[in-house]
């Protein structure tokens, strides 16, 4: 049976599938945001369909945690974009 675990130092402590470095949020984003089927997601990530459904069940059972993780990811992406070197800035940083 698929299990969701959290481990300090692995994926930043994000909920993930036991035995994998695949986060619940990664699976949810593939299925819910990108529109891939659970079957396609399982195939692409090399996991079982049951593991995909376990991750999605965890995602839906923990909306506050998942929203906080999405927000944290969005802030990090914005910070990285801000620090990225842009060719049209002309200042090298």
N, C-alpha and C. Protein backbone atom coordinates (compact mmCIF):
# COMPACT_ATOMS: atom_id res chain seq x y z
N UNK A 1 0.84 -1.18 0.00
CA UNK A 1 0.00 0.00 0.00
C UNK A 1 0.88 1.25 0.00
N UNK A 2 0.54 2.19 -0.81
CA UNK A 2 1.30 3.44 -0.90
C UNK A 2 1.14 4.24 0.40
N UNK A 3 2.22 4.91 0.77
CA UNK A 3 2.22 5.68 2.01
C UNK A 3 2.83 7.06 1.76
N UNK A 4 2.27 8.06 2.41
CA UNK A 4 2.81 9.42 2.33
C UNK A 4 3.63 9.66 3.59
N UNK A 5 4.85 10.16 3.39
CA UNK A 5 5.75 10.43 4.51
C UNK A 5 6.34 11.83 4.37
N UNK A 6 6.89 12.31 5.45
CA UNK A 6 7.63 13.58 5.47
C UNK A 6 8.94 13.31 6.18
N UNK A 7 10.04 13.71 5.57
CA UNK A 7 11.36 13.48 6.14
C UNK A 7 12.17 14.76 6.03
N UNK A 8 12.67 15.25 7.16
CA UNK A 8 13.54 16.43 7.12
C UNK A 8 14.72 16.12 6.22
N UNK A 9 15.07 17.05 5.36
CA UNK A 9 16.22 16.87 4.48
C UNK A 9 15.90 16.17 3.17
N UNK A 10 14.68 15.71 3.00
CA UNK A 10 14.28 15.09 1.73
C UNK A 10 13.15 15.94 1.15
N UNK A 11 13.40 16.54 0.01
CA UNK A 11 12.44 17.43 -0.65
C UNK A 11 11.98 18.56 0.29
N UNK A 12 12.87 19.01 1.11
CA UNK A 12 12.54 20.11 2.01
C UNK A 12 11.47 19.75 3.03
N UNK A 13 11.30 18.47 3.31
CA UNK A 13 10.30 18.03 4.27
C UNK A 13 8.89 17.98 3.72
N UNK A 14 8.75 18.17 2.41
CA UNK A 14 7.41 18.13 1.81
C UNK A 14 6.85 16.71 1.85
N UNK A 15 5.53 16.58 1.94
CA UNK A 15 4.92 15.25 1.88
C UNK A 15 5.26 14.59 0.55
N UNK A 16 5.64 13.31 0.62
CA UNK A 16 6.07 12.59 -0.57
C UNK A 16 5.69 11.13 -0.45
N UNK A 17 5.81 10.43 -1.56
CA UNK A 17 5.57 9.00 -1.56
C UNK A 17 6.74 8.30 -0.87
N UNK A 18 6.43 7.40 0.05
CA UNK A 18 7.48 6.63 0.73
C UNK A 18 8.30 5.87 -0.30
N UNK A 19 9.62 5.94 -0.15
CA UNK A 19 10.51 5.23 -1.06
C UNK A 19 10.81 5.97 -2.35
N UNK A 20 10.28 7.18 -2.48
CA UNK A 20 10.50 7.98 -3.70
C UNK A 20 10.82 9.42 -3.32
N UNK A 21 11.42 10.13 -4.25
CA UNK A 21 11.63 11.56 -4.11
C UNK A 21 10.62 12.27 -5.01
N UNK A 22 9.37 11.90 -4.85
CA UNK A 22 8.27 12.45 -5.64
C UNK A 22 7.26 13.02 -4.64
N UNK A 23 7.06 14.33 -4.71
CA UNK A 23 6.18 14.97 -3.73
C UNK A 23 4.71 14.84 -4.13
N UNK A 24 3.87 14.93 -3.12
CA UNK A 24 2.42 14.94 -3.34
C UNK A 24 2.07 16.11 -4.27
N UNK A 25 2.68 17.26 -4.03
CA UNK A 25 2.39 18.44 -4.83
C UNK A 25 2.81 18.24 -6.28
N UNK A 26 3.92 17.59 -6.53
CA UNK A 26 4.35 17.32 -7.91
C UNK A 26 3.30 16.49 -8.64
N UNK A 27 2.79 15.48 -7.99
CA UNK A 27 1.76 14.64 -8.61
C UNK A 27 0.49 15.44 -8.84
N UNK A 28 0.07 16.20 -7.83
CA UNK A 28 -1.15 17.00 -7.96
C UNK A 28 -1.01 18.02 -9.09
N UNK A 29 0.15 18.64 -9.22
CA UNK A 29 0.35 19.61 -10.29
C UNK A 29 0.27 18.96 -11.67
N UNK A 30 0.80 17.75 -11.78
CA UNK A 30 0.74 17.06 -13.07
C UNK A 30 -0.70 16.73 -13.45
N UNK A 31 -1.45 16.23 -12.48
CA UNK A 31 -2.82 15.80 -12.77
C UNK A 31 -3.78 16.99 -12.83
N UNK A 32 -3.75 17.84 -11.81
CA UNK A 32 -4.74 18.91 -11.69
C UNK A 32 -4.39 20.15 -12.51
N UNK A 33 -3.14 20.54 -12.52
CA UNK A 33 -2.75 21.77 -13.21
C UNK A 33 -2.41 21.53 -14.68
N UNK A 34 -1.62 20.49 -14.94
CA UNK A 34 -1.19 20.22 -16.31
C UNK A 34 -2.20 19.38 -17.08
N UNK A 35 -3.13 18.75 -16.38
CA UNK A 35 -4.19 18.01 -17.05
C UNK A 35 -3.82 16.61 -17.50
N UNK A 36 -2.72 16.07 -16.99
CA UNK A 36 -2.36 14.70 -17.35
C UNK A 36 -3.26 13.72 -16.60
N UNK A 37 -3.54 12.62 -17.21
CA UNK A 37 -4.34 11.59 -16.54
C UNK A 37 -3.51 10.95 -15.44
N UNK A 38 -4.17 10.38 -14.44
CA UNK A 38 -3.43 9.66 -13.42
C UNK A 38 -2.58 8.53 -14.01
N UNK A 39 -3.10 7.86 -15.04
CA UNK A 39 -2.35 6.78 -15.68
C UNK A 39 -1.08 7.30 -16.33
N UNK A 40 -1.19 8.42 -17.05
CA UNK A 40 -0.02 9.02 -17.71
C UNK A 40 1.00 9.48 -16.65
N UNK A 41 0.50 10.09 -15.59
CA UNK A 41 1.37 10.56 -14.52
C UNK A 41 2.14 9.40 -13.90
N UNK A 42 1.44 8.31 -13.62
CA UNK A 42 2.09 7.12 -13.06
C UNK A 42 3.18 6.62 -14.00
N UNK A 43 2.86 6.55 -15.28
CA UNK A 43 3.82 6.07 -16.27
C UNK A 43 5.04 6.98 -16.35
N UNK A 44 4.83 8.28 -16.39
CA UNK A 44 5.93 9.23 -16.52
C UNK A 44 6.83 9.25 -15.28
N UNK A 45 6.26 9.04 -14.11
CA UNK A 45 7.04 9.09 -12.87
C UNK A 45 7.55 7.72 -12.43
N UNK A 46 7.13 6.67 -13.12
CA UNK A 46 7.58 5.33 -12.79
C UNK A 46 7.02 4.82 -11.46
N UNK A 47 5.78 5.19 -11.18
CA UNK A 47 5.12 4.75 -9.96
C UNK A 47 3.81 4.06 -10.33
N UNK A 48 3.15 3.49 -9.34
CA UNK A 48 1.90 2.80 -9.61
C UNK A 48 0.73 3.78 -9.63
N UNK A 49 -0.34 3.36 -10.26
CA UNK A 49 -1.56 4.17 -10.28
C UNK A 49 -2.08 4.35 -8.86
N UNK A 50 -1.95 3.33 -8.03
CA UNK A 50 -2.37 3.43 -6.63
C UNK A 50 -1.60 4.53 -5.91
N UNK A 51 -0.31 4.67 -6.20
CA UNK A 51 0.49 5.72 -5.57
C UNK A 51 0.02 7.10 -6.01
N UNK A 52 -0.34 7.25 -7.27
CA UNK A 52 -0.88 8.52 -7.75
C UNK A 52 -2.16 8.85 -6.98
N UNK A 53 -3.05 7.89 -6.86
CA UNK A 53 -4.31 8.13 -6.16
C UNK A 53 -4.12 8.38 -4.67
N UNK A 54 -3.14 7.73 -4.07
CA UNK A 54 -2.83 7.98 -2.66
C UNK A 54 -2.36 9.43 -2.48
N UNK A 55 -1.50 9.88 -3.39
CA UNK A 55 -1.02 11.27 -3.32
C UNK A 55 -2.16 12.26 -3.52
N UNK A 56 -3.04 11.98 -4.47
CA UNK A 56 -4.17 12.88 -4.71
C UNK A 56 -5.12 12.89 -3.51
N UNK A 57 -5.33 11.74 -2.89
CA UNK A 57 -6.18 11.69 -1.70
C UNK A 57 -5.58 12.53 -0.58
N UNK A 58 -4.25 12.42 -0.39
CA UNK A 58 -3.57 13.23 0.62
C UNK A 58 -3.73 14.72 0.28
N UNK A 59 -3.56 15.06 -0.98
CA UNK A 59 -3.69 16.45 -1.43
C UNK A 59 -5.06 17.00 -1.07
N UNK A 60 -6.11 16.25 -1.37
CA UNK A 60 -7.48 16.70 -1.09
C UNK A 60 -7.81 16.67 0.40
N UNK A 61 -7.19 15.78 1.16
CA UNK A 61 -7.44 15.70 2.59
C UNK A 61 -6.72 16.78 3.38
N UNK A 62 -5.76 17.46 2.76
CA UNK A 62 -4.93 18.46 3.44
C UNK A 62 -4.86 19.77 2.65
N UNK A 63 -6.01 20.40 2.39
CA UNK A 63 -6.00 21.59 1.52
C UNK A 63 -5.18 22.76 2.08
N UNK A 64 -5.18 22.95 3.39
CA UNK A 64 -4.42 24.06 3.97
C UNK A 64 -2.91 23.85 3.80
N UNK A 65 -2.46 22.63 4.08
CA UNK A 65 -1.03 22.31 3.91
C UNK A 65 -0.62 22.47 2.45
N UNK A 66 -1.45 22.00 1.54
CA UNK A 66 -1.10 22.06 0.12
C UNK A 66 -1.10 23.50 -0.38
N UNK A 67 -2.04 24.30 0.09
CA UNK A 67 -2.07 25.71 -0.30
C UNK A 67 -0.82 26.42 0.21
N UNK A 68 -0.40 26.10 1.43
CA UNK A 68 0.80 26.71 2.00
C UNK A 68 2.04 26.30 1.20
N UNK A 69 2.12 25.03 0.78
CA UNK A 69 3.25 24.58 -0.03
C UNK A 69 3.26 25.27 -1.38
N UNK A 70 2.10 25.40 -2.01
CA UNK A 70 2.02 26.10 -3.29
C UNK A 70 2.48 27.55 -3.14
N UNK A 71 2.04 28.19 -2.08
CA UNK A 71 2.43 29.58 -1.84
C UNK A 71 3.94 29.69 -1.63
N UNK A 72 4.50 28.77 -0.85
CA UNK A 72 5.95 28.76 -0.61
C UNK A 72 6.71 28.57 -1.92
N UNK A 73 6.23 27.64 -2.76
CA UNK A 73 6.86 27.41 -4.06
C UNK A 73 6.77 28.65 -4.94
N UNK A 74 5.61 29.31 -4.94
CA UNK A 74 5.42 30.51 -5.75
C UNK A 74 6.37 31.62 -5.32
N UNK A 75 6.52 31.79 -4.00
CA UNK A 75 7.45 32.82 -3.49
C UNK A 75 8.89 32.51 -3.88
N UNK A 76 9.26 31.25 -3.78
CA UNK A 76 10.62 30.84 -4.14
C UNK A 76 10.87 31.06 -5.64
N UNK A 77 9.91 30.68 -6.47
CA UNK A 77 10.06 30.89 -7.91
C UNK A 77 10.18 32.37 -8.24
N UNK A 78 9.39 33.21 -7.61
CA UNK A 78 9.45 34.64 -7.85
C UNK A 78 10.81 35.20 -7.43
N UNK A 79 11.31 34.72 -6.29
CA UNK A 79 12.62 35.17 -5.80
C UNK A 79 13.72 34.75 -6.78
N UNK A 80 13.64 33.53 -7.27
CA UNK A 80 14.65 33.05 -8.22
C UNK A 80 14.58 33.81 -9.55
N UNK A 81 13.37 34.09 -10.01
CA UNK A 81 13.22 34.89 -11.24
C UNK A 81 13.82 36.27 -11.05
N UNK A 82 13.59 36.86 -9.89
CA UNK A 82 14.12 38.19 -9.59
C UNK A 82 15.64 38.21 -9.60
N UNK A 83 16.25 37.14 -9.12
CA UNK A 83 17.71 37.06 -9.05
C UNK A 83 18.36 36.58 -10.35
N UNK A 84 17.57 36.02 -11.24
CA UNK A 84 18.12 35.46 -12.48
C UNK A 84 18.70 36.57 -13.34
N UNK A 85 19.73 36.22 -14.06
CA UNK A 85 20.33 37.15 -14.99
C UNK A 85 19.45 37.21 -16.22
N UNK A 86 19.03 38.39 -16.55
CA UNK A 86 18.19 38.60 -17.71
C UNK A 86 19.02 39.23 -18.82
N UNK A 87 19.02 38.65 -20.04
CA UNK A 87 19.83 39.21 -21.11
C UNK A 87 19.45 40.65 -21.47
N UNK A 88 18.20 41.02 -21.26
CA UNK A 88 17.79 42.37 -21.65
C UNK A 88 18.04 43.41 -20.53
N UNK A 89 18.53 42.98 -19.37
CA UNK A 89 18.83 43.95 -18.31
C UNK A 89 20.14 44.68 -18.58
N UNK A 90 21.07 43.99 -19.19
CA UNK A 90 22.33 44.62 -19.56
C UNK A 90 23.27 44.95 -18.41
N UNK A 91 22.89 44.56 -17.18
CA UNK A 91 23.76 44.91 -16.06
C UNK A 91 24.45 43.69 -15.45
N UNK A 92 24.23 42.52 -16.07
CA UNK A 92 24.89 41.31 -15.61
C UNK A 92 24.34 40.77 -14.30
N UNK A 93 23.23 41.26 -13.84
CA UNK A 93 22.68 40.75 -12.60
C UNK A 93 21.64 41.58 -12.10
